[in-house]
Amino acid sequence: MEQTRFAEGPVAPRIRTALGAVLIGVVGLLGLTAVVLTARHGSVLPIDRAAHTWSLHHRPAALVTVAGVVTATGTGVFPYAAAVAAGLTAGRDIRHRLAYAAGALTFLLLGQALRFGLMEAIGRPRPAVGDWATHASGFAFPSGHATTSALMAGLLVAAIGHRARLRRARGAASGRSTGAVAVLLGCWAAAVGMSRVLLGVHWATDVVAGWLFAAVWLGLGAALIRIRTAPPASR
């Protein structure tokens, strides 16, 4: 029986990179979770208290309005519509586009389910309701908005990059730089996460945990896709 080998072929480095991202994300998320669980019944973590106090004293009405608009893009129908759009962008024909859209949507839903399970298991309280500048529900850790926006950004970047590779394979111009788009999407996801702290509904470590969770889920998805699609000689 042929054994899978990761030391050969051009695909192997990309597989190892994806698996490395998963490992780093898992270690970071587990470590942060352990710290939060240890402190859950005691005082708030110093970094959380400092970030929360700073936000309470640096959020004029105009900034709260902007943060409210930004934070709204990380929840509701928008993330799922973006996942479908990512799938439609990645496909090379109607059949592949529909399949990719269904896959991206399923990927996002599964990630949300796992994130919700982790949130319920840890049960970390949010900051005091009196400090909130927007509505929030459920437990705090990890942040749903931070997780969802990071997953959306990752799906869109992957879809745009895949589309650009298809265009280059056909000898067509790839259009705008995927690097610039990736930076913009990353900045947007970061803004969504930070808006949760500014609005007083999350601790800073909730947001960091959301980003780490998204990194783990995206890295795992990338690794599985690359392993599945890699030719035997490249594994």
C-alpha atoms as a PDB file:
ATOM      1  CA  MET A   1       0.000   0.000   0.000  1.00  0.00           C
ATOM      2  CA  GLU A   2       1.338   3.415  -0.975  1.00  0.00           C
ATOM      3  CA  GLN A   3       2.067   5.651   1.974  1.00  0.00           C
ATOM      4  CA  THR A   4       1.446   9.378   1.940  1.00  0.00           C
ATOM      5  CA  ARG A   5       4.732  11.305   1.967  1.00  0.00           C
ATOM      6  CA  PHE A   6       4.976  15.002   2.674  1.00  0.00           C
ATOM      7  CA  ALA A   7       8.647  15.494   1.923  1.00  0.00           C
ATOM      8  CA  GLU A   8       8.316  15.293  -1.875  1.00  0.00           C
ATOM      9  CA  GLY A   9       6.818  17.417  -4.622  1.00  0.00           C
ATOM     10  CA  PRO A  10       5.861  21.086  -4.951  1.00  0.00           C
ATOM     11  CA  VAL A  11       2.616  20.703  -2.993  1.00  0.00           C
ATOM     12  CA  ALA A  12       4.240  19.368   0.165  1.00  0.00           C
ATOM     13  CA  PRO A  13       5.577  22.755   1.432  1.00  0.00           C
ATOM     14  CA  ARG A  14       2.112  24.294   1.146  1.00  0.00           C
ATOM     15  CA  ILE A  15       0.592  21.389   3.043  1.00  0.00           C
ATOM     16  CA  ARG A  16       3.178  21.737   5.793  1.00  0.00           C
ATOM     17  CA  THR A  17       2.551  25.490   5.941  1.00  0.00           C
ATOM     18  CA  ALA A  18      -1.187  24.951   6.405  1.00  0.00           C
ATOM     19  CA  LEU A  19      -0.617  22.291   9.052  1.00  0.00           C
ATOM     20  CA  GLY A  20       1.873  24.566  10.775  1.00  0.00           C
ATOM     21  CA  ALA A  21      -0.749  27.325  10.931  1.00  0.00           C
ATOM     22  CA  VAL A  22      -3.167  24.849  12.495  1.00  0.00           C
ATOM     23  CA  LEU A  23      -0.613  23.790  15.100  1.00  0.00           C
ATOM     24  CA  ILE A  24       0.310  27.357  16.027  1.00  0.00           C
ATOM     25  CA  GLY A  25      -3.354  28.340  16.222  1.00  0.00           C
ATOM     26  CA  VAL A  26      -4.245  25.317  18.359  1.00  0.00           C
ATOM     27  CA  VAL A  27      -1.407  25.959  20.792  1.00  0.00           C
ATOM     28  CA  GLY A  28      -2.312  29.638  21.063  1.00  0.00           C
ATOM     29  CA  LEU A  29      -6.023  28.964  21.475  1.00  0.00           C
ATOM     30  CA  LEU A  30      -5.483  26.238  24.069  1.00  0.00           C
ATOM     31  CA  GLY A  31      -3.077  28.414  25.997  1.00  0.00           C
ATOM     32  CA  LEU A  32      -5.415  31.391  25.983  1.00  0.00           C
ATOM     33  CA  THR A  33      -8.350  29.182  26.938  1.00  0.00           C
ATOM     34  CA  ALA A  34      -6.407  27.787  29.889  1.00  0.00           C
ATOM     35  CA  VAL A  35      -5.602  31.299  31.089  1.00  0.00           C
ATOM     36  CA  VAL A  36      -9.226  32.401  30.763  1.00  0.00           C
ATOM     37  CA  LEU A  37     -10.525  29.311  32.560  1.00  0.00           C
ATOM     38  CA  THR A  38      -8.042  29.844  35.367  1.00  0.00           C
ATOM     39  CA  ALA A  39      -9.100  33.468  35.820  1.00  0.00           C
ATOM     40  CA  ARG A  40     -12.817  32.959  35.174  1.00  0.00           C
ATOM     41  CA  HIS A  41     -13.769  32.783  38.839  1.00  0.00           C
ATOM     42  CA  GLY A  42     -11.263  35.397  39.900  1.00  0.00           C
ATOM     43  CA  SER A  43     -10.339  38.858  38.734  1.00  0.00           C
ATOM     44  CA  VAL A  44     -10.427  39.977  35.100  1.00  0.00           C
ATOM     45  CA  LEU A  45      -7.135  39.573  33.257  1.00  0.00           C
ATOM     46  CA  PRO A  46      -5.013  42.754  33.399  1.00  0.00           C
ATOM     47  CA  ILE A  47      -4.862  43.095  29.604  1.00  0.00           C
ATOM     48  CA  ASP A  48      -8.637  42.792  29.408  1.00  0.00           C
ATOM     49  CA  ARG A  49      -9.209  45.324  32.150  1.00  0.00           C
ATOM     50  CA  ALA A  50      -6.766  47.791  30.565  1.00  0.00           C
ATOM     51  CA  ALA A  51      -8.297  47.512  27.084  1.00  0.00           C
ATOM     52  CA  HIS A  52     -11.832  47.763  28.449  1.00  0.00           C
ATOM     53  CA  THR A  53     -11.057  50.802  30.588  1.00  0.00           C
ATOM     54  CA  TRP A  54      -9.310  52.513  27.673  1.00  0.00           C
ATOM     55  CA  SER A  55     -12.292  51.934  25.376  1.00  0.00           C
ATOM     56  CA  LEU A  56     -14.730  53.382  27.899  1.00  0.00           C
ATOM     57  CA  HIS A  57     -12.746  56.630  27.961  1.00  0.00           C
ATOM     58  CA  HIS A  58     -12.027  56.857  24.230  1.00  0.00           C
ATOM     59  CA  ARG A  59     -15.295  56.341  22.409  1.00  0.00           C
ATOM     60  CA  PRO A  60     -16.986  59.578  21.346  1.00  0.00           C
ATOM     61  CA  ALA A  61     -20.446  59.299  19.799  1.00  0.00           C
ATOM     62  CA  ALA A  62     -19.126  59.475  16.228  1.00  0.00           C
ATOM     63  CA  LEU A  63     -16.671  56.621  16.834  1.00  0.00           C
ATOM     64  CA  VAL A  64     -19.375  54.518  18.477  1.00  0.00           C
ATOM     65  CA  THR A  65     -21.548  55.029  15.390  1.00  0.00           C
ATOM     66  CA  VAL A  66     -18.731  53.939  13.066  1.00  0.00           C
ATOM     67  CA  ALA A  67     -17.923  50.965  15.279  1.00  0.00           C
ATOM     68  CA  GLY A  68     -21.582  49.982  15.243  1.00  0.00           C
ATOM     69  CA  VAL A  69     -21.636  49.977  11.448  1.00  0.00           C
ATOM     70  CA  VAL A  70     -18.403  47.969  11.271  1.00  0.00           C
ATOM     71  CA  THR A  71     -19.513  45.447  13.865  1.00  0.00           C
ATOM     72  CA  ALA A  72     -22.798  44.877  12.017  1.00  0.00           C
ATOM     73  CA  THR A  73     -20.891  43.459   9.033  1.00  0.00           C
ATOM     74  CA  GLY A  74     -19.610  40.594  11.183  1.00  0.00           C
ATOM     75  CA  THR A  75     -22.976  39.014  11.900  1.00  0.00           C
ATOM     76  CA  GLY A  76     -26.428  38.335  10.461  1.00  0.00           C
ATOM     77  CA  VAL A  77     -26.971  37.398   6.824  1.00  0.00           C
ATOM     78  CA  PHE A  78     -23.846  39.138   5.533  1.00  0.00           C
ATOM     79  CA  PRO A  79     -21.258  36.474   6.538  1.00  0.00           C
ATOM     80  CA  TYR A  80     -23.229  33.677   4.910  1.00  0.00           C
ATOM     81  CA  ALA A  81     -23.835  35.705   1.770  1.00  0.00           C
ATOM     82  CA  ALA A  82     -20.098  36.408   1.639  1.00  0.00           C
ATOM     83  CA  ALA A  83     -19.336  32.685   1.972  1.00  0.00           C
ATOM     84  CA  VAL A  84     -21.626  31.938  -0.967  1.00  0.00           C
ATOM     85  CA  ALA A  85     -20.015  34.765  -2.949  1.00  0.00           C
ATOM     86  CA  ALA A  86     -16.581  33.283  -2.217  1.00  0.00           C
ATOM     87  CA  GLY A  87     -17.678  29.938  -3.605  1.00  0.00           C
ATOM     88  CA  LEU A  88     -19.191  31.498  -6.699  1.00  0.00           C
ATOM     89  CA  THR A  89     -15.983  33.449  -7.266  1.00  0.00           C
ATOM     90  CA  ALA A  90     -13.733  30.401  -6.966  1.00  0.00           C
ATOM     91  CA  GLY A  91     -15.550  28.125  -9.434  1.00  0.00           C
ATOM     92  CA  ARG A  92     -14.546  27.971 -13.085  1.00  0.00           C
ATOM     93  CA  ASP A  93     -18.016  27.022 -14.356  1.00  0.00           C
ATOM     94  CA  ILE A  94     -21.575  26.928 -13.036  1.00  0.00           C
ATOM     95  CA  ARG A  95     -21.291  23.402 -11.649  1.00  0.00           C
ATOM     96  CA  HIS A  96     -18.076  24.125  -9.778  1.00  0.00           C
ATOM     97  CA  ARG A  97     -19.345  27.489  -8.573  1.00  0.00           C
ATOM     98  CA  LEU A  98     -22.455  25.966  -7.023  1.00  0.00           C
ATOM     99  CA  ALA A  99     -20.403  23.174  -5.452  1.00  0.00           C
ATOM    100  CA  TYR A 100     -17.844  25.619  -4.057  1.00  0.00           C
ATOM    101  CA  ALA A 101     -20.592  27.908  -2.742  1.00  0.00           C
ATOM    102  CA  ALA A 102     -22.217  24.985  -0.907  1.00  0.00           C
ATOM    103  CA  GLY A 103     -18.824  23.908   0.424  1.00  0.00           C
ATOM    104  CA  ALA A 104     -17.918  27.391   1.653  1.00  0.00           C
ATOM    105  CA  LEU A 105     -21.277  27.791   3.354  1.00  0.00           C
ATOM    106  CA  THR A 106     -20.952  24.389   5.022  1.00  0.00           C
ATOM    107  CA  PHE A 107     -17.414  25.236   6.125  1.00  0.00           C
ATOM    108  CA  LEU A 108     -18.636  28.455   7.757  1.00  0.00           C
ATOM    109  CA  LEU A 109     -21.606  26.744   9.443  1.00  0.00           C
ATOM    110  CA  LEU A 110     -19.430  23.965  10.870  1.00  0.00           C
ATOM    111  CA  GLY A 111     -16.954  26.515  12.175  1.00  0.00           C
ATOM    112  CA  GLN A 112     -19.758  28.445  13.815  1.00  0.00           C
ATOM    113  CA  ALA A 113     -21.105  25.290  15.436  1.00  0.00           C
ATOM    114  CA  LEU A 114     -17.703  24.415  16.900  1.00  0.00           C
ATOM    115  CA  ARG A 115     -17.161  27.975  18.071  1.00  0.00           C
ATOM    116  CA  PHE A 116     -20.577  28.019  19.747  1.00  0.00           C
ATOM    117  CA  GLY A 117     -19.826  24.728  21.501  1.00  0.00           C
ATOM    118  CA  LEU A 118     -16.543  26.124  22.822  1.00  0.00           C
ATOM    119  CA  MET A 119     -18.263  29.308  23.953  1.00  0.00           C
ATOM    120  CA  GLU A 120     -20.938  27.392  25.864  1.00  0.00           C
ATOM    121  CA  ALA A 121     -18.393  25.029  27.416  1.00  0.00           C
ATOM    122  CA  ILE A 122     -16.231  27.870  28.766  1.00  0.00           C
ATOM    123  CA  GLY A 123     -19.126  30.155  29.737  1.00  0.00           C
ATOM    124  CA  ARG A 124     -17.096  33.330  30.191  1.00  0.00           C
ATOM    125  CA  PRO A 125     -19.208  36.347  31.263  1.00  0.00           C
ATOM    126  CA  ARG A 126     -19.140  39.548  29.247  1.00  0.00           C
ATOM    127  CA  PRO A 127     -18.211  42.943  30.693  1.00  0.00           C
ATOM    128  CA  ALA A 128     -20.858  44.686  32.793  1.00  0.00           C
ATOM    129  CA  VAL A 129     -24.009  45.506  30.825  1.00  0.00           C
ATOM    130  CA  GLY A 130     -23.759  49.139  31.867  1.00  0.00           C
ATOM    131  CA  ASP A 131     -20.584  49.449  29.787  1.00  0.00           C
ATOM    132  CA  TRP A 132     -22.172  48.214  26.568  1.00  0.00           C
ATOM    133  CA  ALA A 133     -22.673  50.603  23.655  1.00  0.00           C
ATOM    134  CA  THR A 134     -24.549  48.000  21.590  1.00  0.00           C
ATOM    135  CA  HIS A 135     -26.654  44.885  22.054  1.00  0.00           C
ATOM    136  CA  ALA A 136     -24.976  41.538  22.728  1.00  0.00           C
ATOM    137  CA  SER A 137     -26.074  38.072  23.777  1.00  0.00           C
ATOM    138  CA  GLY A 138     -24.543  34.815  24.929  1.00  0.00           C
ATOM    139  CA  PHE A 139     -21.191  34.204  26.551  1.00  0.00           C
ATOM    140  CA  ALA A 140     -18.038  36.103  25.654  1.00  0.00           C
ATOM    141  CA  PHE A 141     -15.244  33.668  24.750  1.00  0.00           C
ATOM    142  CA  PRO A 142     -14.410  33.397  21.884  1.00  0.00           C
ATOM    143  CA  SER A 143     -15.944  36.404  20.152  1.00  0.00           C
ATOM    144  CA  GLY A 144     -18.440  35.370  17.488  1.00  0.00           C
ATOM    145  CA  HIS A 145     -17.971  38.553  15.487  1.00  0.00           C
ATOM    146  CA  ALA A 146     -14.175  38.227  15.497  1.00  0.00           C
ATOM    147  CA  THR A 147     -14.374  34.568  14.484  1.00  0.00           C
ATOM    148  CA  THR A 148     -16.962  35.088  11.764  1.00  0.00           C
ATOM    149  CA  SER A 149     -15.294  38.090  10.143  1.00  0.00           C
ATOM    150  CA  ALA A 150     -11.908  36.339  10.111  1.00  0.00           C
ATOM    151  CA  LEU A 151     -13.457  33.243   8.538  1.00  0.00           C
ATOM    152  CA  MET A 152     -15.190  35.417   5.937  1.00  0.00           C
ATOM    153  CA  ALA A 153     -11.941  37.197   5.109  1.00  0.00           C
ATOM    154  CA  GLY A 154     -10.112  33.894   4.796  1.00  0.00           C
ATOM    155  CA  LEU A 155     -12.736  32.390   2.504  1.00  0.00           C
ATOM    156  CA  LEU A 156     -12.798  35.453   0.275  1.00  0.00           C
ATOM    157  CA  VAL A 157      -9.005  35.656   0.048  1.00  0.00           C
ATOM    158  CA  ALA A 158      -8.804  31.950  -0.818  1.00  0.00           C
ATOM    159  CA  ALA A 159     -11.510  32.329  -3.467  1.00  0.00           C
ATOM    160  CA  ILE A 160      -9.916  35.383  -5.076  1.00  0.00           C
ATOM    161  CA  GLY A 161      -6.505  33.705  -5.059  1.00  0.00           C
ATOM    162  CA  HIS A 162      -7.926  30.543  -6.620  1.00  0.00           C
ATOM    163  CA  ARG A 163      -9.662  32.602  -9.296  1.00  0.00           C
ATOM    164  CA  ALA A 164      -6.438  34.432 -10.083  1.00  0.00           C
ATOM    165  CA  ARG A 165      -4.588  31.131 -10.477  1.00  0.00           C
ATOM    166  CA  LEU A 166      -7.253  29.878 -12.884  1.00  0.00           C
ATOM    167  CA  ARG A 167      -6.901  33.035 -14.962  1.00  0.00           C
ATOM    168  CA  ARG A 168      -3.118  32.728 -15.050  1.00  0.00           C
ATOM    169  CA  ALA A 169      -3.423  29.065 -16.102  1.00  0.00           C
ATOM    170  CA  ARG A 170      -5.514  30.199 -19.077  1.00  0.00           C
ATOM    171  CA  GLY A 171      -2.969  32.881 -19.928  1.00  0.00           C
ATOM    172  CA  ALA A 172      -5.274  35.729 -18.918  1.00  0.00           C
ATOM    173  CA  ALA A 173      -4.373  38.693 -16.756  1.00  0.00           C
ATOM    174  CA  SER A 174      -5.133  38.012 -13.109  1.00  0.00           C
ATOM    175  CA  GLY A 175      -6.524  41.470 -12.458  1.00  0.00           C
ATOM    176  CA  ARG A 176      -5.956  43.336  -9.218  1.00  0.00           C
ATOM    177  CA  SER A 177      -3.315  42.150  -6.819  1.00  0.00           C
ATOM    178  CA  THR A 178      -4.664  39.478  -4.519  1.00  0.00           C
ATOM    179  CA  GLY A 179      -2.143  40.662  -1.943  1.00  0.00           C
ATOM    180  CA  ALA A 180      -3.758  44.100  -1.747  1.00  0.00           C
ATOM    181  CA  VAL A 181      -7.215  42.548  -1.472  1.00  0.00           C
ATOM    182  CA  ALA A 182      -5.984  40.222   1.271  1.00  0.00           C
ATOM    183  CA  VAL A 183      -4.610  43.176   3.242  1.00  0.00           C
ATOM    184  CA  LEU A 184      -7.891  45.071   2.923  1.00  0.00           C
ATOM    185  CA  LEU A 185      -9.929  42.065   4.031  1.00  0.00           C
ATOM    186  CA  GLY A 186      -7.542  41.450   6.913  1.00  0.00           C
ATOM    187  CA  CYS A 187      -7.874  45.070   8.047  1.00  0.00           C
ATOM    188  CA  TRP A 188     -11.649  44.808   7.857  1.00  0.00           C
ATOM    189  CA  ALA A 189     -11.692  41.603   9.952  1.00  0.00           C
ATOM    190  CA  ALA A 190      -9.373  43.233  12.490  1.00  0.00           C
ATOM    191  CA  ALA A 191     -11.655  46.286  12.653  1.00  0.00           C
ATOM    192  CA  VAL A 192     -14.687  44.098  13.330  1.00  0.00           C
ATOM    193  CA  GLY A 193     -12.898  42.368  16.190  1.00  0.00           C
ATOM    194  CA  MET A 194     -11.609  45.591  17.717  1.00  0.00           C
ATOM    195  CA  SER A 195     -15.047  47.181  17.449  1.00  0.00           C
ATOM    196  CA  ARG A 196     -16.340  44.599  19.929  1.00  0.00           C
ATOM    197  CA  VAL A 197     -13.876  45.805  22.546  1.00  0.00           C
ATOM    198  CA  LEU A 198     -14.569  49.465  21.769  1.00  0.00           C
ATOM    199  CA  LEU A 199     -18.293  48.899  22.151  1.00  0.00           C
ATOM    200  CA  GLY A 200     -17.696  47.304  25.544  1.00  0.00           C
ATOM    201  CA  VAL A 201     -19.307  43.924  24.839  1.00  0.00           C
ATOM    202  CA  HIS A 202     -16.142  41.791  24.739  1.00  0.00           C
ATOM    203  CA  TRP A 203     -12.844  41.467  26.528  1.00  0.00           C
ATOM    204  CA  ALA A 204      -9.740  41.784  24.368  1.00  0.00           C
ATOM    205  CA  THR A 205      -8.816  38.117  24.850  1.00  0.00           C
ATOM    206  CA  ASP A 206     -12.261  37.113  23.539  1.00  0.00           C
ATOM    207  CA  VAL A 207     -11.372  38.769  20.252  1.00  0.00           C
ATOM    208  CA  VAL A 208      -7.875  37.263  20.110  1.00  0.00           C
ATOM    209  CA  ALA A 209      -9.383  33.840  20.760  1.00  0.00           C
ATOM    210  CA  GLY A 210     -11.825  34.393  17.901  1.00  0.00           C
ATOM    211  CA  TRP A 211      -8.963  35.178  15.526  1.00  0.00           C
ATOM    212  CA  LEU A 212      -7.005  32.126  16.699  1.00  0.00           C
ATOM    213  CA  PHE A 213     -10.048  29.886  16.285  1.00  0.00           C
ATOM    214  CA  ALA A 214     -10.561  31.175  12.752  1.00  0.00           C
ATOM    215  CA  ALA A 215      -6.875  30.602  11.947  1.00  0.00           C
ATOM    216  CA  VAL A 216      -7.133  27.005  13.150  1.00  0.00           C
ATOM    217  CA  TRP A 217     -10.295  26.314  11.169  1.00  0.00           C
ATOM    218  CA  LEU A 218      -9.009  27.961   7.984  1.00  0.00           C
ATOM    219  CA  GLY A 219      -5.648  26.238   8.259  1.00  0.00           C
ATOM    220  CA  LEU A 220      -7.278  22.858   8.784  1.00  0.00           C
ATOM    221  CA  GLY A 221      -9.542  23.411   5.788  1.00  0.00           C
ATOM    222  CA  ALA A 222      -6.611  24.459   3.603  1.00  0.00           C
ATOM    223  CA  ALA A 223      -4.550  21.454   4.654  1.00  0.00           C
ATOM    224  CA  LEU A 224      -7.356  18.993   3.971  1.00  0.00           C
ATOM    225  CA  ILE A 225      -8.035  20.484   0.535  1.00  0.00           C
ATOM    226  CA  ARG A 226      -4.376  20.407  -0.444  1.00  0.00           C
ATOM    227  CA  ILE A 227      -3.905  16.839   0.753  1.00  0.00           C
ATOM    228  CA  ARG A 228      -7.033  15.714  -1.095  1.00  0.00           C
ATOM    229  CA  THR A 229      -6.190  17.454  -4.365  1.00  0.00           C
ATOM    230  CA  ALA A 230      -2.445  16.816  -4.420  1.00  0.00           C
ATOM    231  CA  PRO A 231      -1.264  14.198  -6.961  1.00  0.00           C
ATOM    232  CA  PRO A 232       0.193  11.063  -5.338  1.00  0.00           C
ATOM    233  CA  ALA A 233       3.753  11.982  -6.351  1.00  0.00           C
ATOM    234  CA  SER A 234       3.436  15.340  -4.561  1.00  0.00           C
ATOM    235  CA  ARG A 235       2.251  13.952  -1.242  1.00  0.00           C
END
